[in-house]
């Protein structure tokens, strides 16, 4: 890793893959040594009609994952971005008209066909019963069947479909705060990158539920619209509103310089810390699955890796064809390639449960993100002379 890369990335960002790996080990150990702890924490939930809907500890962790991202958004710049039709249009088309559907196709091909035998044709997963539905035990819903597990109704689905659902949730969640790091490392236009982050965050409010509901339904894991709307409200809208008013108040009372140089630096470790704590809890549930089939993470990582490289290539080549400058082309391609894994983890946890295969699949997205994106940064730097 170059000196410039090291100076741009914090120690948390630089070694994120290492931290995630340690969380896997720590979570599995926790599940073995204190199997009831994670279950007790996940049991602290807001319930509707007797069914747990929102895990309070996880909701708190995920809020602190999302809030620091949202507080960086300057909505005044979003309005100005309307003048840059080509880069804005390219980002929106790649992220919302192409990426969700390529993720669906690639993950189905690998998880549902090529790797299905390795995952286990008869392997099943227990996920939350869809929010708002009161189904009888034995009733079929999508690809699953309602069963009674420790006195609670659960939906038993094929394990590969649970992983498939997690991939779908990643595919409809473009762009994370880490994109700001990737754009800086690739010597991209920082202002353009931040504006694209803001635009995609706003687009998620409108499109995440629509695309998620449609693709999960096609994948035979239907989720009621109100569940997706609740998820996007809790994990996107709430931190977005909180971030907007926080930024506005601090800039008015402390100034923009103090906000950027002091306040934002305090938030970064909080974001990563909340993410890592969530991962420990998640892997404390999935330890048995990983230990019994240690290649599980590999089966999920393969389609995610192919999807990331494909979307980057599409965005990068299209940017060159549209004659964008390199400074705009690099972040435009990376925003599509990168995933908003915070939202994906939050949504998978809310819809399917902390112990679900869907939640595990979204975490694999975190695991592969850093090394993959650093590779793409290097590709950008080596090809920047091909742009006008």
Protein backbone atom coordinates (compact mmCIF):
# COMPACT_ATOMS: atom_id res chain seq x y z
CA UNK A 1 0.00 0.00 0.00
CA UNK A 2 1.45 3.40 -0.96
CA UNK A 3 2.29 6.18 1.49
CA UNK A 4 -0.47 8.33 -0.01
CA UNK A 5 -2.99 5.58 0.57
CA UNK A 6 -1.94 5.16 4.19
CA UNK A 7 -2.18 8.88 4.88
CA UNK A 8 -5.68 9.13 3.40
CA UNK A 9 -7.18 6.14 5.20
CA UNK A 10 -7.57 5.88 8.96
CA UNK A 11 -6.32 2.77 10.75
CA UNK A 12 -9.92 1.52 10.93
CA UNK A 13 -10.47 1.95 7.19
CA UNK A 14 -7.01 0.65 6.22
CA UNK A 15 -7.46 -2.64 8.06
CA UNK A 16 -11.24 -3.03 7.81
CA UNK A 17 -10.92 -6.52 6.32
CA UNK A 18 -8.70 -7.53 9.26
CA UNK A 19 -11.23 -6.16 11.77
CA UNK A 20 -14.04 -8.03 10.05
CA UNK A 21 -11.97 -11.22 10.16
CA UNK A 22 -11.39 -10.73 13.90
CA UNK A 23 -15.13 -10.18 14.33
CA UNK A 24 -15.78 -13.52 12.65
CA UNK A 25 -13.43 -15.26 15.10
CA UNK A 26 -14.76 -13.29 18.07
CA UNK A 27 -18.38 -13.83 17.12
CA UNK A 28 -17.94 -17.58 16.65
CA UNK A 29 -16.12 -17.77 20.01
CA UNK A 30 -18.90 -15.77 21.68
CA UNK A 31 -21.52 -18.09 20.23
CA UNK A 32 -19.68 -21.09 21.67
CA UNK A 33 -18.80 -19.62 25.08
CA UNK A 34 -21.98 -17.62 25.73
CA UNK A 35 -24.65 -18.90 23.35
CA UNK A 36 -27.49 -17.15 25.15
CA UNK A 37 -25.96 -13.65 25.21
CA UNK A 38 -26.55 -12.71 21.57
CA UNK A 39 -30.01 -14.28 21.67
CA UNK A 40 -30.85 -12.26 24.78
CA UNK A 41 -29.72 -9.04 23.12
CA UNK A 42 -31.64 -9.80 19.92
CA UNK A 43 -34.66 -10.63 22.09
CA UNK A 44 -34.74 -7.00 23.25
CA UNK A 45 -37.04 -6.00 20.43
CA UNK A 46 -40.04 -3.88 19.53
CA UNK A 47 -42.82 -6.35 18.73
CA UNK A 48 -45.96 -6.02 16.66
CA UNK A 49 -48.72 -8.56 17.21
CA UNK A 50 -46.32 -10.65 19.26
CA UNK A 51 -43.70 -10.81 16.51
CA UNK A 52 -40.29 -9.11 17.05
CA UNK A 53 -39.84 -6.44 14.39
CA UNK A 54 -36.94 -4.19 15.44
CA UNK A 55 -34.08 -5.40 17.64
CA UNK A 56 -33.28 -2.45 19.91
CA UNK A 57 -29.52 -3.14 20.39
CA UNK A 58 -29.04 -3.72 16.67
CA UNK A 59 -31.11 -0.62 15.81
CA UNK A 60 -28.89 1.50 18.06
CA UNK A 61 -25.71 0.08 16.52
CA UNK A 62 -26.97 0.55 13.00
CA UNK A 63 -28.11 4.12 13.67
CA UNK A 64 -24.55 5.01 14.66
CA UNK A 65 -23.31 3.27 11.50
CA UNK A 66 -25.56 5.40 9.30
CA UNK A 67 -25.68 8.76 11.09
CA UNK A 68 -22.03 9.78 10.46
CA UNK A 69 -22.53 9.11 6.75
CA UNK A 70 -25.64 11.25 6.53
CA UNK A 71 -24.21 14.15 8.52
CA UNK A 72 -21.54 14.66 5.81
CA UNK A 73 -24.13 15.43 3.14
CA UNK A 74 -24.39 19.04 2.01
CA UNK A 75 -27.79 19.33 0.35
CA UNK A 76 -26.94 22.70 -1.18
CA UNK A 77 -24.40 20.88 -3.36
CA UNK A 78 -27.02 18.35 -4.43
CA UNK A 79 -29.07 21.14 -6.02
CA UNK A 80 -26.03 22.43 -7.92
CA UNK A 81 -25.31 18.92 -9.21
CA UNK A 82 -28.36 19.10 -11.46
CA UNK A 83 -26.21 21.04 -13.93
CA UNK A 84 -23.88 18.05 -14.37
CA UNK A 85 -26.29 15.88 -16.33
CA UNK A 86 -23.83 13.28 -17.62
CA UNK A 87 -22.14 12.15 -14.39
CA UNK A 88 -25.36 12.33 -12.38
CA UNK A 89 -27.33 10.46 -15.04
CA UNK A 90 -24.62 7.81 -15.40
CA UNK A 91 -24.52 7.17 -11.65
CA UNK A 92 -28.29 6.88 -11.35
CA UNK A 93 -28.64 4.56 -14.36
CA UNK A 94 -25.81 2.25 -13.23
CA UNK A 95 -26.99 2.10 -9.62
CA UNK A 96 -30.73 1.79 -10.09
CA UNK A 97 -31.43 0.51 -13.62
CA UNK A 98 -28.56 -1.96 -14.06
CA UNK A 99 -26.86 -2.99 -10.81
CA UNK A 100 -29.88 -4.52 -8.98
CA UNK A 101 -30.69 -6.78 -11.92
CA UNK A 102 -27.12 -7.92 -12.63
CA UNK A 103 -26.76 -8.77 -8.94
CA UNK A 104 -29.97 -10.80 -9.10
CA UNK A 105 -28.81 -12.71 -12.19
CA UNK A 106 -25.22 -13.34 -11.05
CA UNK A 107 -26.08 -14.39 -7.49
CA UNK A 108 -28.87 -16.67 -8.73
CA UNK A 109 -26.53 -18.29 -11.25
CA UNK A 110 -23.87 -19.07 -8.65
CA UNK A 111 -25.87 -19.65 -5.47
CA UNK A 112 -28.96 -21.20 -7.03
CA UNK A 113 -27.29 -23.31 -9.73
CA UNK A 114 -23.48 -23.64 -9.72
CA UNK A 115 -22.85 -23.70 -5.95
CA UNK A 116 -26.17 -25.09 -4.80
CA UNK A 117 -24.77 -28.58 -4.32
CA UNK A 118 -21.87 -27.25 -2.24
CA UNK A 119 -24.18 -25.18 -0.04
CA UNK A 120 -26.50 -28.14 0.37
CA UNK A 121 -29.57 -28.90 -1.73
CA UNK A 122 -31.50 -29.85 1.41
CA UNK A 123 -29.94 -27.22 3.73
CA UNK A 124 -32.51 -24.84 5.22
CA UNK A 125 -32.50 -21.57 7.13
CA UNK A 126 -34.97 -20.16 9.64
CA UNK A 127 -35.87 -16.52 9.01
CA UNK A 128 -38.35 -14.13 10.54
CA UNK A 129 -41.96 -14.46 9.49
CA UNK A 130 -42.71 -11.49 7.21
CA UNK A 131 -43.81 -8.45 9.16
CA UNK A 132 -47.57 -7.98 9.25
CA UNK A 133 -48.43 -11.54 8.18
CA UNK A 134 -50.18 -14.00 10.49
CA UNK A 135 -49.70 -17.39 8.82
CA UNK A 136 -50.59 -20.80 10.23
CA UNK A 137 -47.93 -23.42 10.97
CA UNK A 138 -47.43 -25.55 7.87
CA UNK A 139 -48.61 -22.83 5.48
CA UNK A 140 -46.43 -22.22 2.41
CA UNK A 141 -45.20 -18.70 1.74
CA UNK A 142 -42.93 -18.03 -1.24
CA UNK A 143 -40.24 -20.71 -1.17
CA UNK A 144 -40.67 -21.36 2.55
CA UNK A 145 -42.97 -23.07 5.00
CA UNK A 146 -44.11 -21.76 8.38
CA UNK A 147 -42.73 -23.75 11.32
CA UNK A 148 -42.76 -23.37 15.10
CA UNK A 149 -39.30 -22.80 16.58
CA UNK A 150 -39.07 -22.49 20.38
CA UNK A 151 -42.65 -21.27 20.51
CA UNK A 152 -42.12 -18.64 17.79
CA UNK A 153 -43.41 -18.90 14.22
CA UNK A 154 -40.53 -18.84 11.72
CA UNK A 155 -40.26 -19.29 7.98
CA UNK A 156 -38.13 -22.24 6.89
CA UNK A 157 -36.51 -21.52 3.52
CA UNK A 158 -33.74 -23.14 1.44
CA UNK A 159 -30.40 -21.88 2.75
CA UNK A 160 -29.16 -20.78 -0.66
CA UNK A 161 -32.24 -18.59 -1.09
CA UNK A 162 -31.47 -16.90 2.20
CA UNK A 163 -27.95 -16.08 0.96
CA UNK A 164 -29.52 -14.99 -2.33
CA UNK A 165 -31.79 -12.54 -0.48
CA UNK A 166 -28.77 -10.96 1.22
CA UNK A 167 -27.07 -10.49 -2.15
CA UNK A 168 -30.19 -8.80 -3.50
CA UNK A 169 -30.23 -6.38 -0.57
CA UNK A 170 -26.58 -5.52 -1.30
CA UNK A 171 -27.34 -5.02 -4.99
CA UNK A 172 -29.97 -2.37 -4.31
CA UNK A 173 -27.79 -0.49 -1.80
CA UNK A 174 -25.23 1.53 -3.76
CA UNK A 175 -22.53 3.74 -2.28
CA UNK A 176 -21.18 3.99 1.26
CA UNK A 177 -19.14 6.54 3.15
CA UNK A 178 -16.08 4.52 2.12
CA UNK A 179 -16.63 5.77 -1.44
CA UNK A 180 -15.27 9.11 -0.25
CA UNK A 181 -12.04 7.30 0.63
CA UNK A 182 -11.89 5.39 -2.66
CA UNK A 183 -12.51 8.58 -4.63
CA UNK A 184 -9.75 10.40 -2.78
CA UNK A 185 -7.27 7.55 -3.30
CA UNK A 186 -8.07 7.51 -7.02
CA UNK A 187 -7.53 11.31 -7.20
CA UNK A 188 -11.15 11.84 -8.16
CA UNK A 189 -13.34 14.92 -7.81
CA UNK A 190 -14.19 14.99 -4.08
CA UNK A 191 -17.09 17.39 -4.53
CA UNK A 192 -18.63 15.20 -7.22
CA UNK A 193 -18.21 12.10 -5.05
CA UNK A 194 -19.96 13.65 -2.05
CA UNK A 195 -22.79 14.94 -4.21
CA UNK A 196 -23.31 11.48 -5.71
CA UNK A 197 -23.42 10.03 -2.20
CA UNK A 198 -26.16 12.50 -1.32
CA UNK A 199 -28.16 11.85 -4.49
CA UNK A 200 -28.03 8.09 -4.02
CA UNK A 201 -29.09 8.44 -0.39
CA UNK A 202 -32.14 10.40 -1.48
CA UNK A 203 -32.84 7.94 -4.31
CA UNK A 204 -32.80 5.11 -1.78
CA UNK A 205 -35.74 6.67 0.03
CA UNK A 206 -37.81 6.24 -3.14
CA UNK A 207 -36.37 3.19 -4.88
CA UNK A 208 -34.96 0.84 -2.24
CA UNK A 209 -38.33 -0.44 -1.10
CA UNK A 210 -39.72 -0.71 -4.64
CA UNK A 211 -36.78 -2.65 -6.08
CA UNK A 212 -36.27 -4.69 -2.94
CA UNK A 213 -39.89 -5.78 -2.79
CA UNK A 214 -39.95 -6.65 -6.49
CA UNK A 215 -36.67 -8.62 -6.64
CA UNK A 216 -37.23 -10.48 -3.37
CA UNK A 217 -40.67 -11.42 -4.63
CA UNK A 218 -39.25 -12.71 -7.92
CA UNK A 219 -36.69 -14.65 -5.86
CA UNK A 220 -39.57 -16.33 -3.98
CA UNK A 221 -38.76 -14.55 -0.72
CA UNK A 222 -41.56 -12.00 -0.77
CA UNK A 223 -41.46 -9.22 1.81
CA UNK A 224 -44.49 -7.01 2.54
CA UNK A 225 -44.08 -3.42 1.41
CA UNK A 226 -44.65 -2.08 4.93
CA UNK A 227 -41.62 -4.04 6.18
CA UNK A 228 -39.32 -2.47 3.59
CA UNK A 229 -40.80 0.97 4.22
CA UNK A 230 -40.23 0.53 7.95
CA UNK A 231 -36.65 -0.55 7.31
CA UNK A 232 -35.82 2.39 5.05
CA UNK A 233 -37.50 4.79 7.50
CA UNK A 234 -35.54 3.52 10.51
CA UNK A 235 -32.17 3.04 8.84
CA UNK A 236 -32.08 5.75 6.14
CA UNK A 237 -34.68 8.45 6.75
CA UNK A 238 -34.13 8.78 10.52
CA UNK A 239 -30.32 9.19 10.37
CA UNK A 240 -30.71 11.37 7.25
CA UNK A 241 -32.97 13.81 9.10
CA UNK A 242 -30.79 13.69 12.22
CA UNK A 243 -27.67 14.30 10.13
CA UNK A 244 -29.25 17.23 8.28
CA UNK A 245 -30.23 19.09 11.45
CA UNK A 246 -26.94 18.26 13.21
CA UNK A 247 -24.90 19.63 10.33
CA UNK A 248 -27.07 22.72 10.08
CA UNK A 249 -26.79 23.50 13.81
CA UNK A 250 -23.04 22.86 14.10
CA UNK A 251 -22.13 24.87 10.99
CA UNK A 252 -24.28 27.76 12.26
CA UNK A 253 -22.76 27.76 15.76
CA UNK A 254 -19.23 26.38 15.31
CA UNK A 255 -18.45 27.02 11.66
CA UNK A 256 -17.78 24.74 8.70
CA UNK A 257 -14.06 24.40 9.48
CA UNK A 258 -14.70 23.06 13.01
CA UNK A 259 -17.38 20.74 11.64
CA UNK A 260 -15.04 19.16 9.06
CA UNK A 261 -11.77 19.13 10.99
CA UNK A 262 -13.04 18.23 14.47
CA UNK A 263 -16.57 16.84 14.52
CA UNK A 264 -16.30 14.46 11.56
CA UNK A 265 -13.04 12.95 12.84
CA UNK A 266 -14.76 12.03 16.10
CA UNK A 267 -17.55 10.22 14.24
CA UNK A 268 -15.43 7.90 12.07
CA UNK A 269 -14.34 5.51 14.87
CA UNK A 270 -17.94 5.45 16.14
CA UNK A 271 -19.17 4.27 12.74
CA UNK A 272 -16.61 1.49 12.46
CA UNK A 273 -17.07 0.49 16.11
CA UNK A 274 -20.85 0.15 15.69
CA UNK A 275 -20.31 -1.90 12.53
CA UNK A 276 -17.85 -4.26 14.22
CA UNK A 277 -20.08 -4.76 17.26
CA UNK A 278 -22.98 -5.67 14.97
CA UNK A 279 -20.77 -8.17 13.13
CA UNK A 280 -19.70 -9.87 16.36
CA UNK A 281 -23.35 -10.38 17.27
CA UNK A 282 -24.17 -11.67 13.81
CA UNK A 283 -21.34 -14.20 13.71
CA UNK A 284 -22.16 -15.40 17.22
CA UNK A 285 -25.30 -16.83 15.59
CA UNK A 286 -23.70 -18.11 12.38
CA UNK A 287 -20.69 -19.87 13.94
CA UNK A 288 -22.16 -23.35 13.58
CA UNK A 289 -22.91 -22.80 9.88
CA UNK A 290 -19.39 -21.55 9.18
CA UNK A 291 -17.68 -24.29 11.18
CA UNK A 292 -19.75 -27.03 9.56
CA UNK A 293 -19.14 -25.59 6.09
CA UNK A 294 -16.07 -23.32 6.20
CA UNK A 295 -16.34 -22.57 2.48
CA UNK A 296 -19.68 -20.82 3.00
CA UNK A 297 -18.09 -17.38 2.84
CA UNK A 298 -16.32 -18.31 -0.41
CA UNK A 299 -19.56 -19.41 -2.12
CA UNK A 300 -21.10 -16.02 -1.28
CA UNK A 301 -17.97 -14.01 -2.07
CA UNK A 302 -17.61 -15.29 -5.65
CA UNK A 303 -20.81 -13.73 -7.10
CA UNK A 304 -20.30 -10.55 -5.06
CA UNK A 305 -16.77 -10.18 -6.42
CA UNK A 306 -17.87 -10.73 -10.03
CA UNK A 307 -20.73 -8.25 -9.58
CA UNK A 308 -18.42 -5.57 -8.16
CA UNK A 309 -15.90 -5.88 -10.99
CA UNK A 310 -18.62 -5.96 -13.66
CA UNK A 311 -20.39 -2.83 -12.40
CA UNK A 312 -17.09 -0.98 -12.07
CA UNK A 313 -16.15 -1.90 -15.65
CA UNK A 314 -19.55 -0.81 -17.01
CA UNK A 315 -19.39 2.52 -15.21
CA UNK A 316 -15.76 3.22 -16.08
CA UNK A 317 -16.12 2.39 -19.78
CA UNK A 318 -19.41 4.31 -20.04
CA UNK A 319 -17.79 7.35 -18.40
CA UNK A 320 -15.03 7.28 -21.00
CA UNK A 321 -17.55 6.94 -23.83
CA UNK A 322 -19.45 9.93 -22.42
CA UNK A 323 -16.13 11.85 -22.44
CA UNK A 324 -16.20 12.59 -18.73
CA UNK A 325 -12.99 13.80 -17.15
CA UNK A 326 -11.02 11.22 -15.21
CA UNK A 327 -11.74 13.10 -11.97
CA UNK A 328 -15.47 12.48 -12.47
CA UNK A 329 -15.19 9.06 -14.13
CA UNK A 330 -13.28 7.31 -11.33
CA UNK A 331 -15.71 8.11 -8.47
CA UNK A 332 -18.73 7.53 -10.74
CA UNK A 333 -17.55 3.98 -11.44
CA UNK A 334 -16.64 3.31 -7.81
CA UNK A 335 -19.96 4.50 -6.42
CA UNK A 336 -21.69 1.81 -8.46
CA UNK A 337 -19.14 -0.87 -7.61
CA UNK A 338 -19.22 -0.18 -3.88
CA UNK A 339 -22.14 -1.25 -1.70
CA UNK A 340 -23.98 0.58 1.07
CA UNK A 341 -23.45 -2.45 3.29
CA UNK A 342 -24.65 -0.60 6.41
CA UNK A 343 -28.17 -0.36 4.98
CA UNK A 344 -28.01 -3.90 3.58
CA UNK A 345 -27.00 -5.35 6.96
CA UNK A 346 -29.69 -3.32 8.72
CA UNK A 347 -32.41 -4.37 6.31
CA UNK A 348 -31.40 -8.05 6.27
CA UNK A 349 -31.38 -8.06 10.07
CA UNK A 350 -34.79 -6.44 10.32
CA UNK A 351 -36.48 -8.49 7.58
CA UNK A 352 -34.91 -11.92 8.10
CA UNK A 353 -33.26 -11.84 11.52
CA UNK A 354 -29.76 -11.50 12.92
CA UNK A 355 -29.18 -15.25 12.63
CA UNK A 356 -30.30 -15.49 9.00
CA UNK A 357 -28.20 -16.45 6.01
CA UNK A 358 -29.31 -13.19 4.39
CA UNK A 359 -27.61 -11.19 7.16
CA UNK A 360 -24.47 -13.31 6.77
CA UNK A 361 -24.38 -12.63 3.01
CA UNK A 362 -24.46 -8.87 3.57
CA UNK A 363 -21.51 -9.17 5.95
CA UNK A 364 -19.47 -10.99 3.30
CA UNK A 365 -19.92 -7.80 1.29
CA UNK A 366 -18.04 -5.95 4.02
CA UNK A 367 -15.34 -8.61 4.10
CA UNK A 368 -14.44 -8.33 0.42
CA UNK A 369 -15.04 -4.59 -0.04
CA UNK A 370 -11.67 -3.17 1.08
CA UNK A 371 -9.28 -5.41 -0.91
CA UNK A 372 -11.49 -5.28 -4.00
CA UNK A 373 -11.92 -1.51 -3.97
CA UNK A 374 -8.19 -0.95 -3.39
CA UNK A 375 -7.56 -3.08 -6.48
CA UNK A 376 -10.01 -0.95 -8.49
CA UNK A 377 -8.34 2.22 -7.20
CA UNK A 378 -5.05 0.93 -8.57
CA UNK A 379 -6.67 0.19 -11.94
CA UNK A 380 -8.03 3.74 -12.07
CA UNK A 381 -4.66 5.31 -11.32
CA UNK A 382 -2.95 3.24 -14.00
CA UNK A 383 -5.52 4.14 -16.68
CA UNK A 384 -6.17 7.82 -15.94
CA UNK A 385 -4.14 8.90 -18.99
CA UNK A 386 -6.82 7.32 -21.22
CA UNK A 387 -9.25 10.11 -20.37
CA UNK A 388 -9.28 13.56 -21.88
